[in-house]
Protein backbone atom coordinates (compact mmCIF):
# COMPACT_ATOMS: atom_id res chain seq x y z
CA UNK A 1 250.09 -83.06 -27.36
CA UNK A 2 249.15 -84.16 -23.87
CA UNK A 3 250.05 -87.57 -22.56
CA UNK A 4 248.35 -89.18 -19.61
CA UNK A 5 250.60 -89.09 -16.51
CA UNK A 6 251.11 -92.85 -16.80
CA UNK A 7 252.93 -92.25 -20.07
CA UNK A 8 255.25 -89.74 -18.41
CA UNK A 9 255.86 -87.84 -21.63
CA UNK A 10 254.48 -84.47 -20.58
CA UNK A 11 257.88 -82.96 -21.13
CA UNK A 12 260.63 -83.15 -23.64
CA UNK A 13 264.38 -83.22 -23.48
CA UNK A 14 266.97 -81.28 -25.44
CA UNK A 15 270.53 -82.48 -25.54
CA UNK A 16 273.00 -79.65 -25.84
CA UNK A 17 276.71 -80.55 -25.64
CA UNK A 18 275.78 -83.76 -23.82
CA UNK A 19 273.85 -82.00 -21.05
CA UNK A 20 270.16 -82.72 -20.55
CA UNK A 21 267.99 -79.61 -20.41
CA UNK A 22 264.24 -79.12 -20.26
CA UNK A 23 262.96 -76.77 -22.91
CA UNK A 24 259.69 -75.65 -24.49
CA UNK A 25 259.35 -75.47 -28.25
CA UNK A 26 257.81 -72.31 -29.63
CA UNK A 27 257.66 -72.16 -33.42
CA UNK A 28 257.81 -68.75 -35.03
CA UNK A 29 254.52 -67.75 -36.62
CA UNK A 30 254.57 -64.00 -36.84
CA UNK A 31 252.69 -64.32 -40.13
CA UNK A 32 250.26 -66.96 -38.86
CA UNK A 33 246.64 -65.79 -38.98
CA UNK A 34 244.58 -67.01 -36.04
CA UNK A 35 241.39 -65.86 -34.31
CA UNK A 36 241.99 -62.58 -32.43
CA UNK A 37 243.04 -63.02 -28.79
CA UNK A 38 241.32 -61.03 -26.07
CA UNK A 39 243.31 -61.19 -22.85
CA UNK A 40 241.47 -60.57 -19.60
CA UNK A 41 243.86 -59.48 -16.88
CA UNK A 42 242.21 -60.65 -13.65
CA UNK A 43 243.60 -61.29 -10.19
CA UNK A 44 242.16 -64.78 -9.86
CA UNK A 45 240.41 -67.50 -11.84
CA UNK A 46 236.99 -66.75 -10.39
CA UNK A 47 237.16 -63.12 -11.54
CA UNK A 48 238.35 -64.21 -14.98
CA UNK A 49 235.49 -66.69 -15.38
CA UNK A 50 232.99 -63.98 -14.43
CA UNK A 51 234.30 -61.50 -17.00
CA UNK A 52 234.81 -64.14 -19.66
CA UNK A 53 231.12 -65.09 -19.34
CA UNK A 54 230.23 -61.40 -19.64
CA UNK A 55 232.26 -60.95 -22.84
CA UNK A 56 230.99 -64.21 -24.31
CA UNK A 57 227.42 -63.02 -23.78
CA UNK A 58 228.18 -59.79 -25.65
CA UNK A 59 230.64 -60.67 -28.43
CA UNK A 60 229.60 -62.36 -31.63
CA UNK A 61 230.26 -66.09 -31.15
CA UNK A 62 233.11 -67.98 -32.82
CA UNK A 63 235.11 -64.83 -33.58
CA UNK A 64 237.42 -64.26 -30.60
CA UNK A 65 239.54 -66.37 -28.28
CA UNK A 66 239.39 -65.26 -24.62
CA UNK A 67 242.25 -66.06 -22.25
CA UNK A 68 243.24 -65.15 -18.73
CA UNK A 69 246.40 -63.08 -18.27
CA UNK A 70 247.68 -63.35 -14.72
CA UNK A 71 249.89 -60.79 -13.00
CA UNK A 72 253.13 -62.74 -13.49
CA UNK A 73 252.53 -63.20 -17.21
CA UNK A 74 251.46 -59.57 -17.55
CA UNK A 75 254.73 -58.34 -16.10
CA UNK A 76 256.89 -60.80 -18.05
CA UNK A 77 255.66 -59.48 -21.44
CA UNK A 78 257.28 -62.48 -23.16
CA UNK A 79 254.43 -63.78 -25.26
CA UNK A 80 251.33 -61.65 -25.03
CA UNK A 81 252.60 -58.27 -26.23
CA UNK A 82 252.59 -59.12 -29.91
CA UNK A 83 249.57 -61.42 -30.02
CA UNK A 84 246.72 -59.50 -28.42
CA UNK A 85 243.86 -57.71 -30.15
CA UNK A 86 242.43 -56.33 -26.92
CA UNK A 87 243.79 -56.22 -23.37
CA UNK A 88 241.08 -56.00 -20.71
CA UNK A 89 242.04 -54.78 -17.23
CA UNK A 90 239.31 -56.54 -15.28
CA UNK A 91 240.71 -55.99 -11.79
CA UNK A 92 241.87 -52.85 -10.05
CA UNK A 93 245.64 -52.48 -10.01
CA UNK A 94 248.12 -49.91 -8.64
CA UNK A 95 249.42 -47.79 -11.51
CA UNK A 96 253.03 -48.71 -10.83
CA UNK A 97 252.27 -52.44 -11.31
CA UNK A 98 251.07 -51.81 -14.86
CA UNK A 99 253.20 -49.03 -16.21
CA UNK A 100 256.16 -50.77 -17.87
CA UNK A 101 254.33 -53.58 -19.74
CA UNK A 102 251.36 -51.32 -20.51
CA UNK A 103 253.55 -48.56 -21.93
CA UNK A 104 255.29 -51.05 -24.18
CA UNK A 105 252.00 -52.60 -25.29
CA UNK A 106 250.42 -49.23 -26.15
CA UNK A 107 253.58 -48.02 -27.89
CA UNK A 108 253.24 -50.99 -30.24
CA UNK A 109 249.69 -50.00 -31.13
CA UNK A 110 247.97 -52.07 -28.47
CA UNK A 111 244.31 -51.57 -27.58
CA UNK A 112 243.31 -51.63 -23.91
CA UNK A 113 240.03 -51.39 -22.01
CA UNK A 114 239.88 -50.92 -18.25
CA UNK A 115 236.68 -52.05 -16.58
CA UNK A 116 237.42 -49.88 -13.55
CA UNK A 117 238.35 -46.18 -13.27
CA UNK A 118 242.04 -46.04 -14.15
CA UNK A 119 244.18 -42.89 -14.28
CA UNK A 120 247.65 -43.54 -15.73
CA UNK A 121 249.66 -40.44 -14.88
CA UNK A 122 252.13 -41.07 -17.70
CA UNK A 123 249.42 -40.70 -20.39
CA UNK A 124 247.36 -37.75 -21.55
CA UNK A 125 243.63 -38.36 -21.54
CA UNK A 126 240.67 -36.72 -23.23
CA UNK A 127 237.15 -36.73 -21.80
CA UNK A 128 234.42 -38.66 -23.56
CA UNK A 129 230.87 -39.24 -22.38
CA UNK A 130 231.47 -41.21 -19.20
CA UNK A 131 234.95 -42.32 -20.30
CA UNK A 132 238.52 -41.14 -20.62
CA UNK A 133 240.47 -41.97 -23.76
CA UNK A 134 244.25 -42.18 -23.46
CA UNK A 135 246.31 -42.25 -26.63
CA UNK A 136 249.93 -43.36 -27.01
CA UNK A 137 251.42 -43.47 -30.51
CA UNK A 138 249.10 -45.92 -32.29
CA UNK A 139 247.78 -47.41 -29.07
CA UNK A 140 244.67 -46.54 -27.08
CA UNK A 141 243.33 -47.08 -23.57
CA UNK A 142 239.69 -46.50 -22.63
CA UNK A 143 238.72 -46.18 -18.97
CA UNK A 144 235.35 -45.40 -17.37
CA UNK A 145 235.05 -42.37 -15.12
CA UNK A 146 233.02 -44.42 -12.64
CA UNK A 147 231.82 -48.00 -12.36
CA UNK A 148 229.25 -48.89 -15.00
CA UNK A 149 226.61 -51.48 -15.78
CA UNK A 150 228.89 -53.47 -18.08
CA UNK A 151 226.08 -55.45 -19.69
CA UNK A 152 224.70 -52.18 -21.09
CA UNK A 153 227.88 -50.19 -21.57
CA UNK A 154 230.20 -52.77 -23.10
CA UNK A 155 228.58 -53.46 -26.51
CA UNK A 156 228.79 -49.85 -27.81
CA UNK A 157 232.30 -49.43 -26.35
CA UNK A 158 233.58 -52.59 -28.01
CA UNK A 159 232.05 -51.69 -31.36
CA UNK A 160 232.77 -47.95 -31.43
CA UNK A 161 236.30 -47.84 -30.07
CA UNK A 162 237.68 -51.34 -30.67
CA UNK A 163 235.63 -52.42 -33.69
CA UNK A 164 234.72 -55.76 -32.14
CA UNK A 165 231.54 -57.45 -33.30
CA UNK A 166 228.83 -57.91 -30.71
CA UNK A 167 225.78 -60.09 -30.95
CA UNK A 168 222.40 -58.37 -31.09
CA UNK A 169 220.71 -60.94 -28.91
CA UNK A 170 220.72 -64.61 -28.07
CA UNK A 171 217.55 -65.94 -29.68
CA UNK A 172 218.06 -69.36 -28.15
CA UNK A 173 218.16 -67.95 -24.61
CA UNK A 174 220.29 -69.45 -21.84
CA UNK A 175 221.22 -73.11 -22.12
CA UNK A 176 218.83 -75.58 -20.55
CA UNK A 177 220.91 -77.48 -18.00
CA UNK A 178 218.40 -80.31 -17.76
CA UNK A 179 218.25 -80.84 -21.50
CA UNK A 180 219.25 -84.28 -22.68
CA UNK A 181 222.12 -84.75 -25.08
CA UNK A 182 220.82 -86.62 -28.12
CA UNK A 183 223.10 -88.48 -30.50
CA UNK A 184 222.80 -90.97 -33.32
CA UNK A 185 224.61 -94.25 -33.80
CA UNK A 186 225.93 -94.28 -37.36
CA UNK A 187 227.07 -97.79 -38.19
CA UNK A 188 226.40 -100.70 -40.49
CA UNK A 189 224.08 -103.41 -39.08
CA UNK A 190 226.79 -105.68 -37.64
CA UNK A 191 228.50 -102.80 -35.77
CA UNK A 192 225.14 -101.40 -34.62
CA UNK A 193 224.15 -104.69 -33.03
CA UNK A 194 227.55 -105.11 -31.39
CA UNK A 195 227.39 -101.60 -29.93
CA UNK A 196 223.86 -102.04 -28.57
CA UNK A 197 224.69 -105.45 -27.08
CA UNK A 198 227.71 -103.99 -25.32
CA UNK A 199 225.93 -101.01 -23.76
CA UNK A 200 222.39 -102.30 -23.32
CA UNK A 201 219.27 -100.74 -24.80
CA UNK A 202 215.99 -99.17 -23.81
CA UNK A 203 214.31 -100.22 -27.03
CA UNK A 204 215.22 -101.58 -30.44
CA UNK A 205 216.23 -98.13 -31.64
CA UNK A 206 217.30 -96.18 -28.55
CA UNK A 207 219.67 -96.47 -25.59
CA UNK A 208 221.12 -94.31 -22.80
CA UNK A 209 224.89 -94.15 -22.46
CA UNK A 210 226.43 -93.99 -19.01
CA UNK A 211 229.10 -91.34 -19.54
CA UNK A 212 231.53 -90.54 -16.73
CA UNK A 213 232.26 -87.02 -17.96
CA UNK A 214 229.98 -84.12 -17.09
CA UNK A 215 228.50 -82.05 -19.91
CA UNK A 216 226.96 -79.38 -17.73
CA UNK A 217 228.47 -76.09 -16.63
CA UNK A 218 226.98 -76.65 -13.19
CA UNK A 219 228.71 -80.06 -13.01
CA UNK A 220 225.44 -82.01 -12.92
CA UNK A 221 225.46 -85.17 -14.98
CA UNK A 222 223.37 -85.11 -18.15
CA UNK A 223 222.14 -88.28 -19.86
CA UNK A 224 223.32 -89.08 -23.37
CA UNK A 225 220.52 -90.59 -25.44
CA UNK A 226 221.60 -92.48 -28.55
CA UNK A 227 219.28 -93.41 -31.42
CA UNK A 228 220.03 -95.55 -34.40
CA UNK A 229 220.75 -93.52 -37.53
CA UNK A 230 217.28 -92.06 -37.92
CA UNK A 231 216.22 -88.38 -38.12
CA UNK A 232 219.87 -87.40 -38.36
CA UNK A 233 221.54 -84.68 -40.40
CA UNK A 234 224.43 -87.06 -40.96
CA UNK A 235 224.36 -88.61 -44.45
CA UNK A 236 225.41 -92.16 -43.62
CA UNK A 237 225.22 -93.29 -47.26
CA UNK A 238 227.72 -90.65 -48.39
CA UNK A 239 229.91 -91.56 -45.43
CA UNK A 240 229.98 -95.33 -45.96
CA UNK A 241 230.29 -95.02 -49.74
CA UNK A 242 233.59 -93.17 -49.13
CA UNK A 243 234.86 -95.11 -46.08
CA UNK A 244 237.26 -97.92 -47.04
CA UNK A 245 238.73 -98.75 -43.64
CA UNK A 246 238.61 -102.05 -41.79
CA UNK A 247 238.35 -100.54 -38.29
CA UNK A 248 238.61 -96.75 -38.09
CA UNK A 249 235.30 -94.90 -38.23
CA UNK A 250 233.18 -98.02 -38.68
CA UNK A 251 231.19 -97.09 -35.57
CA UNK A 252 230.23 -93.42 -35.26
CA UNK A 253 228.34 -91.44 -32.62
CA UNK A 254 226.97 -88.28 -34.24
CA UNK A 255 225.64 -85.19 -32.38
CA UNK A 256 224.14 -82.01 -33.78
CA UNK A 257 225.43 -80.20 -30.67
CA UNK A 258 227.60 -81.47 -27.83
CA UNK A 259 229.91 -79.97 -25.24
CA UNK A 260 233.02 -81.71 -26.52
CA UNK A 261 233.47 -84.78 -28.72
CA UNK A 262 236.62 -85.56 -26.75
CA UNK A 263 234.69 -85.60 -23.48
CA UNK A 264 232.16 -88.08 -24.92
CA UNK A 265 234.98 -90.33 -26.06
CA UNK A 266 236.72 -90.13 -22.70
CA UNK A 267 233.42 -90.87 -20.94
CA UNK A 268 233.56 -94.66 -21.29
CA UNK A 269 236.33 -97.24 -21.20
CA UNK A 270 234.15 -99.70 -23.11
CA UNK A 271 233.93 -97.97 -26.46
CA UNK A 272 235.19 -100.19 -29.30
CA UNK A 273 238.45 -99.65 -31.14
CA UNK A 274 237.99 -97.27 -34.06
CA UNK A 275 234.87 -95.57 -32.70
CA UNK A 276 234.53 -91.92 -33.72
CA UNK A 277 232.45 -89.14 -32.14
CA UNK A 278 231.34 -86.41 -34.56
CA UNK A 279 229.53 -83.12 -33.89
CA UNK A 280 228.17 -80.33 -36.05
CA UNK A 281 228.87 -77.92 -33.23
CA UNK A 282 230.71 -77.96 -29.90
CA UNK A 283 230.17 -75.46 -27.12
CA UNK A 284 233.08 -76.56 -24.95
CA UNK A 285 235.70 -77.35 -27.59
CA UNK A 286 239.30 -77.43 -26.44
CA UNK A 287 242.69 -77.36 -28.08
CA UNK A 288 246.20 -78.21 -26.96
CA UNK A 289 247.31 -77.14 -23.48
CA UNK A 290 244.05 -75.41 -22.61
CA UNK A 291 243.95 -73.29 -25.77
CA UNK A 292 240.54 -72.23 -27.03
CA UNK A 293 239.23 -74.19 -30.01
CA UNK A 294 236.31 -72.47 -31.70
CA UNK A 295 233.68 -74.83 -33.03
CA UNK A 296 231.10 -73.07 -35.21
CA UNK A 297 228.81 -75.01 -37.49
CA UNK A 298 230.67 -75.83 -40.69
CA UNK A 299 233.75 -76.97 -38.78
CA UNK A 300 234.50 -80.69 -39.19
CA UNK A 301 235.03 -81.95 -35.63
CA UNK A 302 235.69 -85.49 -34.50
CA UNK A 303 237.32 -87.53 -31.76
CA UNK A 304 238.57 -91.02 -32.61
CA UNK A 305 239.48 -93.88 -30.28
CA UNK A 306 242.35 -96.21 -31.18
CA UNK A 307 243.90 -99.09 -29.25
CA UNK A 308 247.17 -100.86 -29.92
CA UNK A 309 250.00 -102.64 -28.14
CA UNK A 310 252.79 -100.67 -26.50
CA UNK A 311 255.21 -103.16 -28.07
CA UNK A 312 253.91 -102.52 -31.60
CA UNK A 313 255.73 -100.23 -34.03
CA UNK A 314 253.21 -97.48 -33.37
CA UNK A 315 253.41 -98.05 -29.62
CA UNK A 316 257.19 -97.77 -29.68
CA UNK A 317 256.88 -94.44 -31.54
CA UNK A 318 253.94 -93.13 -29.57
CA UNK A 319 254.89 -89.46 -29.71
CA UNK A 320 254.76 -89.48 -33.54
CA UNK A 321 251.04 -90.12 -33.43
CA UNK A 322 249.70 -86.56 -33.54
CA UNK A 323 251.93 -85.81 -36.52
CA UNK A 324 250.50 -88.81 -38.41
CA UNK A 325 246.95 -87.58 -37.77
CA UNK A 326 247.88 -84.14 -39.09
CA UNK A 327 249.40 -85.74 -42.20
CA UNK A 328 246.28 -87.86 -42.80
CA UNK A 329 244.12 -84.73 -42.64
CA UNK A 330 246.24 -82.89 -45.19
CA UNK A 331 246.40 -85.91 -47.54
CA UNK A 332 242.61 -86.31 -47.38
CA UNK A 333 242.20 -82.79 -48.81
CA UNK A 334 245.03 -82.97 -51.33
CA UNK A 335 243.78 -86.19 -52.92
CA UNK A 336 240.59 -84.48 -54.06
CA UNK A 337 240.32 -83.67 -57.79
CA UNK A 338 242.42 -80.62 -58.77
CA UNK A 339 243.66 -80.20 -55.17
CA UNK A 340 247.00 -82.02 -55.29
CA UNK A 341 248.86 -78.68 -55.42
CA UNK A 342 246.76 -77.01 -52.74
CA UNK A 343 249.18 -75.00 -50.52
CA UNK A 344 247.92 -76.79 -47.42
CA UNK A 345 250.39 -78.23 -44.95
CA UNK A 346 251.42 -79.02 -41.41
CA UNK A 347 252.76 -76.45 -38.99
CA UNK A 348 254.65 -78.31 -36.27
CA UNK A 349 253.51 -79.78 -34.05
CA UNK A 350 249.76 -80.03 -34.63
CA UNK A 351 248.32 -77.28 -36.83
CA UNK A 352 246.80 -77.68 -40.30
CA UNK A 353 247.56 -74.45 -42.17
CA UNK A 354 247.23 -72.78 -45.55
CA UNK A 355 250.10 -70.74 -46.96
CA UNK A 356 248.97 -67.70 -48.93
CA UNK A 357 251.43 -67.66 -51.80
CA UNK A 358 250.75 -63.99 -52.55
CA UNK A 359 252.07 -62.63 -49.25
CA UNK A 360 253.49 -65.65 -47.42
CA UNK A 361 250.94 -65.52 -44.60
CA UNK A 362 250.13 -68.79 -42.89
CA UNK A 363 246.44 -69.21 -42.02
CA UNK A 364 245.36 -71.87 -39.56
CA UNK A 365 242.45 -74.02 -40.73
CA UNK A 366 242.68 -76.94 -38.32
CA UNK A 367 244.32 -78.50 -35.30
CA UNK A 368 244.94 -81.83 -33.58
CA UNK A 369 244.62 -82.87 -29.93
CA UNK A 370 245.84 -86.34 -28.86
CA UNK A 371 245.58 -87.79 -25.36
CA UNK A 372 246.94 -91.23 -24.54
CA UNK A 373 246.84 -93.61 -21.61
CA UNK A 374 248.52 -96.95 -20.95
CA UNK A 375 247.06 -99.88 -19.07
CA UNK A 376 249.54 -102.72 -18.85
CA UNK A 377 250.82 -103.18 -22.38
CA UNK A 378 247.73 -101.63 -24.02
CA UNK A 379 247.72 -98.06 -25.35
CA UNK A 380 244.46 -96.14 -25.77
CA UNK A 381 244.74 -93.02 -27.91
CA UNK A 382 242.02 -90.36 -28.10
CA UNK A 383 242.47 -88.30 -31.25
CA UNK A 384 240.66 -84.98 -31.49
CA UNK A 385 240.61 -83.02 -34.73
CA UNK A 386 238.89 -79.85 -35.86
CA UNK A 387 239.11 -78.45 -39.40
CA UNK A 388 237.35 -75.39 -40.82
CA UNK A 389 235.47 -77.17 -43.57
CA UNK A 390 232.65 -74.80 -44.59
CA UNK A 391 232.79 -72.00 -42.00
CA UNK A 392 234.31 -68.72 -43.20
CA UNK A 393 235.22 -67.65 -39.68
CA UNK A 394 237.18 -67.28 -37.54
CA UNK A 395 239.85 -67.62 -40.27
CA UNK A 396 239.45 -69.53 -43.55
CA UNK A 397 237.76 -72.78 -44.58
CA UNK A 398 238.82 -75.76 -46.64
CA UNK A 399 235.90 -75.57 -49.08
CA UNK A 400 236.87 -72.03 -50.02
CA UNK A 401 240.40 -73.23 -50.79
CA UNK A 402 238.98 -76.12 -52.81
CA UNK A 403 236.78 -73.69 -54.75
CA UNK A 404 239.79 -71.49 -55.50
CA UNK A 405 241.61 -74.60 -56.79
CA UNK A 406 238.86 -75.08 -59.38
CA UNK A 407 236.73 -77.79 -57.75
CA UNK A 408 233.09 -76.69 -58.02
CA UNK A 409 231.59 -79.34 -55.73
CA UNK A 410 231.96 -78.54 -52.04
CA UNK A 411 233.34 -81.25 -49.80
CA UNK A 412 230.71 -82.67 -47.46
CA UNK A 413 231.39 -83.38 -43.80
CA UNK A 414 230.74 -87.09 -44.32
CA UNK A 415 233.06 -87.39 -47.32
CA UNK A 416 235.85 -85.47 -45.59
CA UNK A 417 235.71 -87.53 -42.39
CA UNK A 418 235.75 -90.81 -44.27
CA UNK A 419 238.69 -89.63 -46.38
CA UNK A 420 240.68 -88.71 -43.25
CA UNK A 421 240.03 -92.12 -41.67
CA UNK A 422 241.05 -93.85 -44.91
CA UNK A 423 244.35 -91.97 -44.97
CA UNK A 424 245.01 -92.50 -41.27
CA UNK A 425 244.47 -96.24 -41.43
CA UNK A 426 246.80 -96.44 -44.46
CA UNK A 427 249.53 -94.53 -42.59
CA UNK A 428 249.13 -96.68 -39.46
CA UNK A 429 249.38 -99.79 -41.64
CA UNK A 430 252.63 -98.49 -43.16
CA UNK A 431 254.10 -97.86 -39.70
CA UNK A 432 252.94 -101.26 -38.45
CA UNK A 433 254.71 -102.93 -41.36
CA UNK A 434 258.02 -101.21 -40.51
CA UNK A 435 257.84 -98.42 -43.11
CA UNK A 436 257.99 -95.42 -40.80
CA UNK A 437 260.70 -93.86 -42.99
CA UNK A 438 258.20 -93.73 -45.86
CA UNK A 439 255.64 -92.02 -43.63
CA UNK A 440 258.23 -89.46 -42.46
CA UNK A 441 259.09 -88.73 -46.09
CA UNK A 442 255.39 -88.03 -46.77
CA UNK A 443 255.30 -85.79 -43.71
CA UNK A 444 258.23 -83.66 -44.81
CA UNK A 445 256.66 -83.25 -48.25
CA UNK A 446 253.65 -81.59 -46.62
CA UNK A 447 255.00 -79.53 -43.75
CA UNK A 448 255.32 -75.76 -43.98
CA UNK A 449 258.61 -75.05 -42.27
CA UNK A 450 261.17 -76.34 -44.71
CA UNK A 451 264.72 -77.23 -43.85
CA UNK A 452 266.79 -74.18 -43.03
CA UNK A 453 263.98 -72.18 -41.39
CA UNK A 454 265.53 -70.22 -38.53
CA UNK A 455 264.27 -70.22 -34.95
CA UNK A 456 265.65 -68.83 -31.72
CA UNK A 457 266.67 -71.21 -28.96
CA UNK A 458 266.65 -70.08 -25.37
CA UNK A 459 268.39 -72.76 -23.34
CA UNK A 460 267.69 -73.71 -19.74
CA UNK A 461 270.60 -71.41 -18.80
CA UNK A 462 268.76 -68.54 -20.54
CA UNK A 463 271.34 -68.47 -23.33
CA UNK A 464 270.02 -67.31 -26.73
CA UNK A 465 271.07 -69.42 -29.72
CA UNK A 466 270.04 -69.18 -33.38
CA UNK A 467 269.29 -72.53 -35.02
CA UNK A 468 267.94 -73.96 -38.27
CA UNK A 469 265.12 -76.49 -38.49
CA UNK A 470 266.25 -79.83 -39.91
CA UNK A 471 263.00 -81.82 -39.73
CA UNK A 472 261.42 -84.26 -37.31
CA UNK A 473 262.83 -87.58 -36.14
CA UNK A 474 261.13 -90.98 -35.77
CA UNK A 475 259.42 -89.83 -32.56
CA UNK A 476 258.08 -86.56 -33.95
CA UNK A 477 260.70 -84.54 -32.06
CA UNK A 478 261.88 -81.45 -33.89
CA UNK A 479 265.53 -81.45 -34.92
CA UNK A 480 267.30 -78.09 -35.06
CA UNK A 481 270.93 -77.28 -35.77
CA UNK A 482 272.61 -74.34 -33.97
CA UNK A 483 275.36 -72.47 -35.81
CA UNK A 484 277.84 -74.15 -33.47
CA UNK A 485 277.78 -77.43 -31.65
CA UNK A 486 275.64 -80.56 -31.97
CA UNK A 487 272.05 -80.63 -33.15
CA UNK A 488 269.20 -80.21 -30.65
CA UNK A 489 266.10 -82.39 -30.46
CA UNK A 490 262.99 -80.96 -28.84
CA UNK A 491 259.44 -82.09 -28.21
CA UNK A 492 256.34 -79.86 -27.86
CA UNK A 493 255.09 -79.09 -24.36
CA UNK A 494 252.19 -77.16 -22.89
CA UNK A 495 251.76 -73.53 -23.95
CA UNK A 496 249.09 -70.99 -24.76
CA UNK A 497 250.37 -67.82 -26.37
CA UNK A 498 254.00 -68.95 -26.58
CA UNK A 499 253.51 -70.79 -29.87
CA UNK A 500 253.32 -67.37 -31.48
CA UNK A 501 256.45 -65.89 -29.96
CA UNK A 502 259.13 -67.50 -32.13
CA UNK A 503 261.31 -69.05 -29.46
CA UNK A 504 262.54 -72.33 -28.12
CA UNK A 505 262.53 -71.49 -24.44
CA UNK A 506 263.19 -73.27 -21.13
CA UNK A 507 260.29 -75.14 -19.63
CA UNK A 508 258.81 -73.35 -16.64
CA UNK A 509 259.27 -75.52 -13.56
CA UNK A 510 256.20 -75.79 -11.31
């Protein structure tokens, strides 16, 4: 969860024996199935962006998450060693800089590709056609003999040696930077008229939104054209037949394709309370703390705007908000026919996951991103949510789980969104009426950790402590109990790979 700087919550505090320490919460998820990570080890951001674009043009879309691994992180080995499908050495490095972490990675079965000639003296290599293959236990490193045309050479290398799927071609061609972004206003007549009056119109059925955010990779502003709900793939009748809210979701901006629903929502301060932005597909989707969020078609993606007073019950428990959204999403699925026992739950702090009862694996099917800002006594919350609804990749989808539960009718995007907004408004109403304890009880019924789950705590003094999860408190902070001493309360902070490493570790000071 990321809070606007004015909220000053972009950290959390753990109290250990009365001393205040800054820590980072990292929940163990060794059995959590996520899209494969490809780490590109590059010397600077510019080099990383170049090679990321190269891999994105080659790899099959919506299958792999690409991240930069800088030199400091590479040497530290703390998080990336156990959570990497492919390590790419994109820059030239002295052998001695790489040896220790690379040896450990390969010894654990790691797969590595160097994009430059690389001759590790501690490994034995065998000549291939234009390449050298180095083997270490179960691990493998492939290095070219000389510099290559990567656009031609990479696809067969990735498929033959690393079994990564590559796209045959891009039939759509490169994106058209001058192309307009076209959306549809999905609202009942009263809300349609109010929206058009507020933003102005070009005609009775079309308007251009002035959005502050840029939706172009070259940073040029693109217009956002909004039509009334005509010629849209969004079934507004199905949506409004299911929607029972007073405010949430009553005004909807729908896009077939958009960079990011969150960026649209953040693009204007004048959007009404309860407005939701929905897309069939995003090409710049983002998760918590800069994590990649894949957005293939079939994924239910929305960003919702909510406003409330800082002095309200919800305002006074602001950090609980992302947990309430996660709960609403789970309840929306579980209240479907024959789905009340669906092993779907919440993985703290913001993941929607399925627990495979046959082997205990936890498979991520959704995630939450909440950003908040405060102006005076008014809170504006931007809630982003993505759930694998009908897409079988990169992990598992909700409709497949529903089918396995015995429900033959697939859940439509419109029905699912409306059900989530219904549940969220009910939960917010409970909190507003002073029944937060009831909401927390619901939350603990549907989270996947369970009291007594063990985690490792690394304190700010680098001391390792084993602790048991006790639950969350009224602010959404995680409560854990060490074997000795008082309980510890922690709050999630920014991370990328660390969520997979099974630690509560000190926050890195910058």
